[in-house]
Amino acid sequence: IQDQTNFLEKIEPHLNDDIRFIGHAGPEKRNELLSKAYALLHPINFNEPFGMSVAESMLCGTPVIAFNKGSMQELIRNEETGFLVNNIDEAVEAVDLIKNIQRRNCHDWSKSMFSQEKMIEDYLKAYNQII
């Protein structure tokens, strides 16, 4: 959550002390937070072309719960690296099921698909096909 005012007004009144607003976190702090998180809840309700935070979360070994929209089917292996859900009720159910996801699978999948090395490999393949 990046909008502290929205968080304080609309979300915080419904939470307990286990959840708090942290604000902007740089790459090191973000990775530390993600690696300790139970899951990343990614409730984006539009067709996002690529979810960088989803890939980053899984690289840290953290499973993701996201709406089944946009690129999420390409990023998340449903029931292996997280859950693709269609509504809030399914997201709530997925929170209970997230314990069944192996964190190592999240890391390995994300690294095999979205690491810097994988991107370089894919670019070289594309360049070689052009030449």
N, C-alpha and C. Protein backbone atom coordinates (compact mmCIF):
# COMPACT_ATOMS: atom_id res chain seq x y z
N ILE A 1 0.86 -1.18 0.00
CA ILE A 1 0.00 0.00 0.00
C ILE A 1 0.89 1.23 0.00
N GLN A 2 0.70 2.08 -0.96
CA GLN A 2 1.54 3.27 -1.06
C GLN A 2 0.83 4.53 -0.60
N ASP A 3 -0.47 4.52 -0.51
CA ASP A 3 -1.22 5.71 -0.15
C ASP A 3 -1.57 5.67 1.34
N GLN A 4 -0.75 6.34 2.16
CA GLN A 4 -0.93 6.27 3.60
C GLN A 4 -2.26 6.87 4.04
N THR A 5 -2.69 7.95 3.43
CA THR A 5 -3.96 8.58 3.82
C THR A 5 -5.11 7.61 3.61
N ASN A 6 -5.16 6.97 2.46
CA ASN A 6 -6.20 5.99 2.17
C ASN A 6 -6.14 4.85 3.18
N PHE A 7 -4.95 4.37 3.47
CA PHE A 7 -4.77 3.29 4.43
C PHE A 7 -5.31 3.69 5.80
N LEU A 8 -4.90 4.86 6.29
CA LEU A 8 -5.30 5.31 7.62
C LEU A 8 -6.81 5.53 7.73
N GLU A 9 -7.42 6.04 6.68
CA GLU A 9 -8.85 6.35 6.73
C GLU A 9 -9.74 5.14 6.48
N LYS A 10 -9.38 4.31 5.52
CA LYS A 10 -10.30 3.27 5.07
C LYS A 10 -9.94 1.85 5.51
N ILE A 11 -8.68 1.61 5.76
CA ILE A 11 -8.25 0.23 6.03
C ILE A 11 -7.89 0.01 7.49
N GLU A 12 -7.07 0.88 8.04
CA GLU A 12 -6.56 0.68 9.40
C GLU A 12 -7.65 0.47 10.45
N PRO A 13 -8.79 1.17 10.38
CA PRO A 13 -9.82 0.95 11.40
C PRO A 13 -10.34 -0.48 11.47
N HIS A 14 -10.11 -1.28 10.44
CA HIS A 14 -10.62 -2.65 10.40
C HIS A 14 -9.56 -3.69 10.74
N LEU A 15 -8.37 -3.26 11.13
CA LEU A 15 -7.26 -4.18 11.34
C LEU A 15 -6.89 -4.31 12.82
N ASN A 16 -6.14 -5.37 13.11
CA ASN A 16 -5.59 -5.51 14.46
C ASN A 16 -4.13 -5.04 14.44
N ASP A 17 -3.44 -5.22 15.54
CA ASP A 17 -2.07 -4.71 15.67
C ASP A 17 -1.03 -5.47 14.85
N ASP A 18 -1.42 -6.59 14.23
CA ASP A 18 -0.48 -7.38 13.43
C ASP A 18 -0.17 -6.74 12.08
N ILE A 19 -0.98 -5.79 11.65
CA ILE A 19 -0.80 -5.16 10.35
C ILE A 19 -0.55 -3.68 10.55
N ARG A 20 0.49 -3.18 9.87
CA ARG A 20 0.81 -1.75 10.00
C ARG A 20 1.29 -1.20 8.67
N PHE A 21 1.15 0.11 8.53
CA PHE A 21 1.60 0.79 7.32
C PHE A 21 3.09 1.07 7.45
N ILE A 22 3.87 0.66 6.47
CA ILE A 22 5.32 0.86 6.51
C ILE A 22 5.73 2.00 5.60
N GLY A 23 5.01 2.20 4.53
CA GLY A 23 5.38 3.24 3.58
C GLY A 23 6.35 2.71 2.55
N HIS A 24 7.04 3.61 1.88
CA HIS A 24 7.98 3.21 0.83
C HIS A 24 9.14 2.41 1.42
N ALA A 25 9.46 1.31 0.77
CA ALA A 25 10.60 0.49 1.17
C ALA A 25 11.50 0.33 -0.05
N GLY A 26 12.77 0.62 0.10
CA GLY A 26 13.73 0.42 -0.98
C GLY A 26 13.92 -1.06 -1.25
N PRO A 27 14.73 -1.42 -2.24
CA PRO A 27 14.88 -2.82 -2.63
C PRO A 27 15.31 -3.75 -1.50
N GLU A 28 16.26 -3.35 -0.68
CA GLU A 28 16.73 -4.24 0.39
C GLU A 28 15.66 -4.46 1.44
N LYS A 29 15.03 -3.38 1.89
CA LYS A 29 13.97 -3.49 2.90
C LYS A 29 12.77 -4.25 2.33
N ARG A 30 12.43 -3.97 1.06
CA ARG A 30 11.32 -4.66 0.41
C ARG A 30 11.57 -6.16 0.39
N ASN A 31 12.77 -6.57 -0.01
CA ASN A 31 13.08 -8.00 -0.07
C ASN A 31 13.03 -8.64 1.31
N GLU A 32 13.51 -7.92 2.32
CA GLU A 32 13.44 -8.42 3.69
C GLU A 32 11.98 -8.61 4.12
N LEU A 33 11.16 -7.62 3.86
CA LEU A 33 9.75 -7.70 4.23
C LEU A 33 9.04 -8.83 3.48
N LEU A 34 9.27 -8.91 2.18
CA LEU A 34 8.62 -9.95 1.39
C LEU A 34 9.05 -11.35 1.82
N SER A 35 10.33 -11.53 2.13
CA SER A 35 10.80 -12.86 2.51
C SER A 35 10.23 -13.32 3.84
N LYS A 36 9.79 -12.38 4.67
CA LYS A 36 9.19 -12.73 5.96
C LYS A 36 7.67 -12.77 5.91
N ALA A 37 7.09 -12.35 4.81
CA ALA A 37 5.63 -12.27 4.70
C ALA A 37 5.02 -13.66 4.54
N TYR A 38 3.82 -13.81 5.07
CA TYR A 38 3.06 -15.05 4.92
C TYR A 38 2.64 -15.22 3.46
N ALA A 39 2.23 -14.11 2.85
CA ALA A 39 1.82 -14.10 1.44
C ALA A 39 1.75 -12.65 0.97
N LEU A 40 1.73 -12.47 -0.34
CA LEU A 40 1.47 -11.17 -0.93
C LEU A 40 0.04 -11.19 -1.44
N LEU A 41 -0.78 -10.30 -0.92
CA LEU A 41 -2.14 -10.14 -1.41
C LEU A 41 -2.10 -9.05 -2.47
N HIS A 42 -2.40 -9.41 -3.70
CA HIS A 42 -2.27 -8.51 -4.84
C HIS A 42 -3.67 -8.31 -5.46
N PRO A 43 -4.51 -7.49 -4.81
CA PRO A 43 -5.90 -7.36 -5.25
C PRO A 43 -6.10 -6.31 -6.35
N ILE A 44 -5.31 -6.38 -7.39
CA ILE A 44 -5.42 -5.45 -8.50
C ILE A 44 -6.56 -5.93 -9.40
N ASN A 45 -7.55 -5.07 -9.58
CA ASN A 45 -8.76 -5.48 -10.29
C ASN A 45 -8.81 -4.91 -11.71
N PHE A 46 -7.66 -4.89 -12.38
CA PHE A 46 -7.61 -4.48 -13.79
C PHE A 46 -6.59 -5.37 -14.49
N ASN A 47 -6.53 -5.32 -15.79
CA ASN A 47 -5.65 -6.18 -16.56
C ASN A 47 -4.23 -5.64 -16.59
N GLU A 48 -3.52 -5.86 -15.50
CA GLU A 48 -2.14 -5.40 -15.39
C GLU A 48 -1.26 -6.15 -16.39
N PRO A 49 -0.45 -5.43 -17.20
CA PRO A 49 0.37 -6.11 -18.20
C PRO A 49 1.50 -6.94 -17.61
N PHE A 50 2.06 -6.53 -16.48
CA PHE A 50 3.08 -7.33 -15.80
C PHE A 50 3.10 -6.90 -14.34
N GLY A 51 3.08 -7.85 -13.44
CA GLY A 51 3.08 -7.56 -12.02
C GLY A 51 4.47 -7.71 -11.43
N MET A 52 5.25 -6.65 -11.46
CA MET A 52 6.62 -6.71 -10.94
C MET A 52 6.62 -7.13 -9.47
N SER A 53 5.69 -6.60 -8.68
CA SER A 53 5.66 -6.95 -7.26
C SER A 53 5.36 -8.44 -7.07
N VAL A 54 4.60 -9.03 -7.98
CA VAL A 54 4.31 -10.47 -7.90
C VAL A 54 5.58 -11.27 -8.15
N ALA A 55 6.31 -10.94 -9.20
CA ALA A 55 7.57 -11.63 -9.50
C ALA A 55 8.58 -11.45 -8.37
N GLU A 56 8.68 -10.22 -7.85
CA GLU A 56 9.62 -9.94 -6.75
C GLU A 56 9.24 -10.73 -5.50
N SER A 57 7.96 -10.82 -5.22
CA SER A 57 7.50 -11.57 -4.06
C SER A 57 7.90 -13.04 -4.17
N MET A 58 7.62 -13.63 -5.32
CA MET A 58 7.94 -15.04 -5.49
C MET A 58 9.45 -15.28 -5.50
N LEU A 59 10.24 -14.34 -6.02
CA LEU A 59 11.70 -14.47 -5.95
C LEU A 59 12.16 -14.54 -4.50
N CYS A 60 11.43 -13.88 -3.61
CA CYS A 60 11.74 -13.91 -2.17
C CYS A 60 11.15 -15.15 -1.50
N GLY A 61 10.47 -16.00 -2.26
CA GLY A 61 9.88 -17.22 -1.71
C GLY A 61 8.50 -17.01 -1.12
N THR A 62 7.88 -15.90 -1.41
CA THR A 62 6.58 -15.59 -0.82
C THR A 62 5.47 -15.84 -1.84
N PRO A 63 4.51 -16.71 -1.51
CA PRO A 63 3.41 -16.98 -2.43
C PRO A 63 2.49 -15.77 -2.59
N VAL A 64 1.72 -15.78 -3.67
CA VAL A 64 0.89 -14.63 -4.02
C VAL A 64 -0.57 -15.05 -4.19
N ILE A 65 -1.45 -14.20 -3.70
CA ILE A 65 -2.89 -14.33 -3.95
C ILE A 65 -3.27 -13.13 -4.81
N ALA A 66 -3.76 -13.40 -6.03
CA ALA A 66 -4.07 -12.31 -6.95
C ALA A 66 -5.35 -12.60 -7.72
N PHE A 67 -6.01 -11.53 -8.15
CA PHE A 67 -7.16 -11.69 -9.02
C PHE A 67 -6.70 -12.25 -10.36
N ASN A 68 -7.51 -13.13 -10.93
CA ASN A 68 -7.19 -13.82 -12.18
C ASN A 68 -7.46 -12.88 -13.36
N LYS A 69 -6.60 -11.87 -13.48
CA LYS A 69 -6.75 -10.87 -14.54
C LYS A 69 -5.39 -10.55 -15.13
N GLY A 70 -5.42 -10.03 -16.36
CA GLY A 70 -4.18 -9.57 -16.99
C GLY A 70 -3.13 -10.66 -17.06
N SER A 71 -1.92 -10.32 -16.67
CA SER A 71 -0.77 -11.22 -16.79
C SER A 71 -0.64 -12.21 -15.64
N MET A 72 -1.57 -12.19 -14.70
CA MET A 72 -1.40 -13.03 -13.50
C MET A 72 -1.30 -14.51 -13.83
N GLN A 73 -2.01 -14.98 -14.88
CA GLN A 73 -1.91 -16.39 -15.25
C GLN A 73 -0.51 -16.76 -15.73
N GLU A 74 0.21 -15.80 -16.28
CA GLU A 74 1.58 -16.05 -16.73
C GLU A 74 2.57 -16.00 -15.57
N LEU A 75 2.23 -15.27 -14.52
CA LEU A 75 3.14 -15.08 -13.39
C LEU A 75 2.97 -16.14 -12.31
N ILE A 76 1.73 -16.53 -12.05
CA ILE A 76 1.43 -17.40 -10.92
C ILE A 76 0.99 -18.77 -11.42
N ARG A 77 1.60 -19.80 -10.88
CA ARG A 77 1.15 -21.17 -11.15
C ARG A 77 0.13 -21.49 -10.06
N ASN A 78 -1.14 -21.49 -10.45
CA ASN A 78 -2.22 -21.64 -9.48
C ASN A 78 -2.05 -22.91 -8.64
N GLU A 79 -2.12 -22.72 -7.34
CA GLU A 79 -2.00 -23.76 -6.32
C GLU A 79 -0.57 -24.31 -6.20
N GLU A 80 0.39 -23.73 -6.92
CA GLU A 80 1.79 -24.13 -6.79
C GLU A 80 2.66 -22.98 -6.28
N THR A 81 2.42 -21.78 -6.79
CA THR A 81 3.18 -20.61 -6.34
C THR A 81 2.26 -19.55 -5.75
N GLY A 82 1.00 -19.87 -5.67
CA GLY A 82 0.01 -18.94 -5.13
C GLY A 82 -1.37 -19.32 -5.62
N PHE A 83 -2.28 -18.36 -5.55
CA PHE A 83 -3.66 -18.62 -5.95
C PHE A 83 -4.18 -17.51 -6.84
N LEU A 84 -4.84 -17.91 -7.92
CA LEU A 84 -5.56 -16.98 -8.78
C LEU A 84 -7.02 -17.04 -8.36
N VAL A 85 -7.55 -15.90 -7.97
CA VAL A 85 -8.91 -15.85 -7.45
C VAL A 85 -9.77 -14.92 -8.30
N ASN A 86 -11.09 -15.10 -8.19
CA ASN A 86 -12.01 -14.31 -8.99
C ASN A 86 -12.79 -13.29 -8.18
N ASN A 87 -12.73 -13.41 -6.85
CA ASN A 87 -13.48 -12.47 -6.02
C ASN A 87 -12.89 -12.46 -4.60
N ILE A 88 -13.42 -11.59 -3.77
CA ILE A 88 -12.91 -11.43 -2.40
C ILE A 88 -13.10 -12.71 -1.59
N ASP A 89 -14.24 -13.38 -1.74
CA ASP A 89 -14.47 -14.61 -0.97
C ASP A 89 -13.41 -15.67 -1.29
N GLU A 90 -13.07 -15.81 -2.56
CA GLU A 90 -12.02 -16.76 -2.93
C GLU A 90 -10.67 -16.33 -2.38
N ALA A 91 -10.41 -15.04 -2.33
CA ALA A 91 -9.15 -14.54 -1.77
C ALA A 91 -9.06 -14.89 -0.29
N VAL A 92 -10.16 -14.74 0.43
CA VAL A 92 -10.19 -15.08 1.85
C VAL A 92 -9.94 -16.58 2.03
N GLU A 93 -10.56 -17.41 1.21
CA GLU A 93 -10.32 -18.85 1.27
C GLU A 93 -8.85 -19.18 0.98
N ALA A 94 -8.27 -18.47 0.03
CA ALA A 94 -6.88 -18.73 -0.35
C ALA A 94 -5.91 -18.42 0.79
N VAL A 95 -6.25 -17.45 1.63
CA VAL A 95 -5.38 -17.14 2.77
C VAL A 95 -5.22 -18.37 3.65
N ASP A 96 -6.30 -19.12 3.85
CA ASP A 96 -6.22 -20.34 4.66
C ASP A 96 -5.43 -21.44 3.95
N LEU A 97 -5.45 -21.45 2.63
CA LEU A 97 -4.77 -22.50 1.86
C LEU A 97 -3.31 -22.20 1.57
N ILE A 98 -2.89 -20.97 1.78
CA ILE A 98 -1.54 -20.56 1.38
C ILE A 98 -0.46 -21.37 2.11
N LYS A 99 -0.80 -21.91 3.27
CA LYS A 99 0.16 -22.72 4.03
C LYS A 99 0.58 -23.97 3.27
N ASN A 100 -0.20 -24.37 2.27
CA ASN A 100 0.12 -25.56 1.47
C ASN A 100 1.12 -25.28 0.35
N ILE A 101 1.43 -24.02 0.13
CA ILE A 101 2.36 -23.64 -0.94
C ILE A 101 3.79 -23.74 -0.41
N GLN A 102 4.64 -24.42 -1.16
CA GLN A 102 6.05 -24.54 -0.80
C GLN A 102 6.78 -23.27 -1.24
N ARG A 103 7.37 -22.57 -0.29
CA ARG A 103 8.04 -21.31 -0.59
C ARG A 103 9.18 -21.49 -1.60
N ARG A 104 9.85 -22.62 -1.53
CA ARG A 104 10.94 -22.89 -2.47
C ARG A 104 10.42 -22.94 -3.91
N ASN A 105 9.21 -23.49 -4.10
CA ASN A 105 8.62 -23.54 -5.44
C ASN A 105 8.40 -22.13 -5.98
N CYS A 106 7.99 -21.21 -5.11
CA CYS A 106 7.77 -19.82 -5.53
C CYS A 106 9.08 -19.23 -6.05
N HIS A 107 10.13 -19.40 -5.26
CA HIS A 107 11.44 -18.86 -5.64
C HIS A 107 11.93 -19.49 -6.95
N ASP A 108 11.90 -20.81 -7.01
CA ASP A 108 12.44 -21.50 -8.18
C ASP A 108 11.69 -21.13 -9.46
N TRP A 109 10.36 -21.09 -9.38
CA TRP A 109 9.54 -20.73 -10.55
C TRP A 109 9.85 -19.31 -11.00
N SER A 110 9.85 -18.39 -10.08
CA SER A 110 10.08 -16.99 -10.43
C SER A 110 11.48 -16.81 -11.01
N LYS A 111 12.47 -17.45 -10.42
CA LYS A 111 13.84 -17.32 -10.92
C LYS A 111 13.95 -17.91 -12.33
N SER A 112 13.28 -19.03 -12.56
CA SER A 112 13.37 -19.66 -13.89
C SER A 112 12.68 -18.83 -14.96
N MET A 113 11.74 -17.99 -14.57
CA MET A 113 10.97 -17.22 -15.55
C MET A 113 11.35 -15.74 -15.64
N PHE A 114 11.78 -15.14 -14.52
CA PHE A 114 11.87 -13.68 -14.47
C PHE A 114 13.20 -13.13 -13.96
N SER A 115 14.19 -13.97 -13.79
CA SER A 115 15.47 -13.47 -13.29
C SER A 115 16.20 -12.69 -14.38
N GLN A 116 17.19 -11.94 -13.98
CA GLN A 116 18.00 -11.19 -14.93
C GLN A 116 18.66 -12.13 -15.94
N GLU A 117 19.13 -13.27 -15.46
CA GLU A 117 19.77 -14.24 -16.34
C GLU A 117 18.79 -14.76 -17.39
N LYS A 118 17.56 -15.03 -16.97
CA LYS A 118 16.53 -15.52 -17.90
C LYS A 118 16.20 -14.45 -18.94
N MET A 119 16.11 -13.21 -18.52
CA MET A 119 15.81 -12.12 -19.45
C MET A 119 16.93 -11.96 -20.48
N ILE A 120 18.19 -12.03 -20.03
CA ILE A 120 19.33 -11.94 -20.94
C ILE A 120 19.28 -13.08 -21.95
N GLU A 121 19.03 -14.29 -21.45
CA GLU A 121 18.94 -15.46 -22.32
C GLU A 121 17.86 -15.27 -23.39
N ASP A 122 16.70 -14.78 -22.98
CA ASP A 122 15.60 -14.58 -23.93
C ASP A 122 15.91 -13.49 -24.94
N TYR A 123 16.55 -12.41 -24.49
CA TYR A 123 16.94 -11.34 -25.43
C TYR A 123 17.95 -11.86 -26.45
N LEU A 124 18.93 -12.64 -26.00
CA LEU A 124 19.93 -13.19 -26.92
C LEU A 124 19.28 -14.11 -27.94
N LYS A 125 18.32 -14.92 -27.51
CA LYS A 125 17.59 -15.79 -28.45
C LYS A 125 16.87 -14.95 -29.49
N ALA A 126 16.21 -13.90 -29.05
CA ALA A 126 15.48 -13.03 -29.98
C ALA A 126 16.43 -12.36 -30.96
N TYR A 127 17.54 -11.85 -30.47
CA TYR A 127 18.52 -11.20 -31.35
C TYR A 127 19.09 -12.19 -32.36
N ASN A 128 19.39 -13.39 -31.92
CA ASN A 128 19.94 -14.40 -32.83
C ASN A 128 18.92 -14.81 -33.90
N GLN A 129 17.65 -14.83 -33.56
CA GLN A 129 16.62 -15.14 -34.55
C GLN A 129 16.51 -14.04 -35.60
N ILE A 130 16.74 -12.81 -35.18
CA ILE A 130 16.66 -11.68 -36.10
C ILE A 130 17.84 -11.69 -37.07
N ILE A 131 19.00 -12.03 -36.54
CA ILE A 131 20.24 -12.03 -37.35
C ILE A 131 20.21 -13.23 -38.24
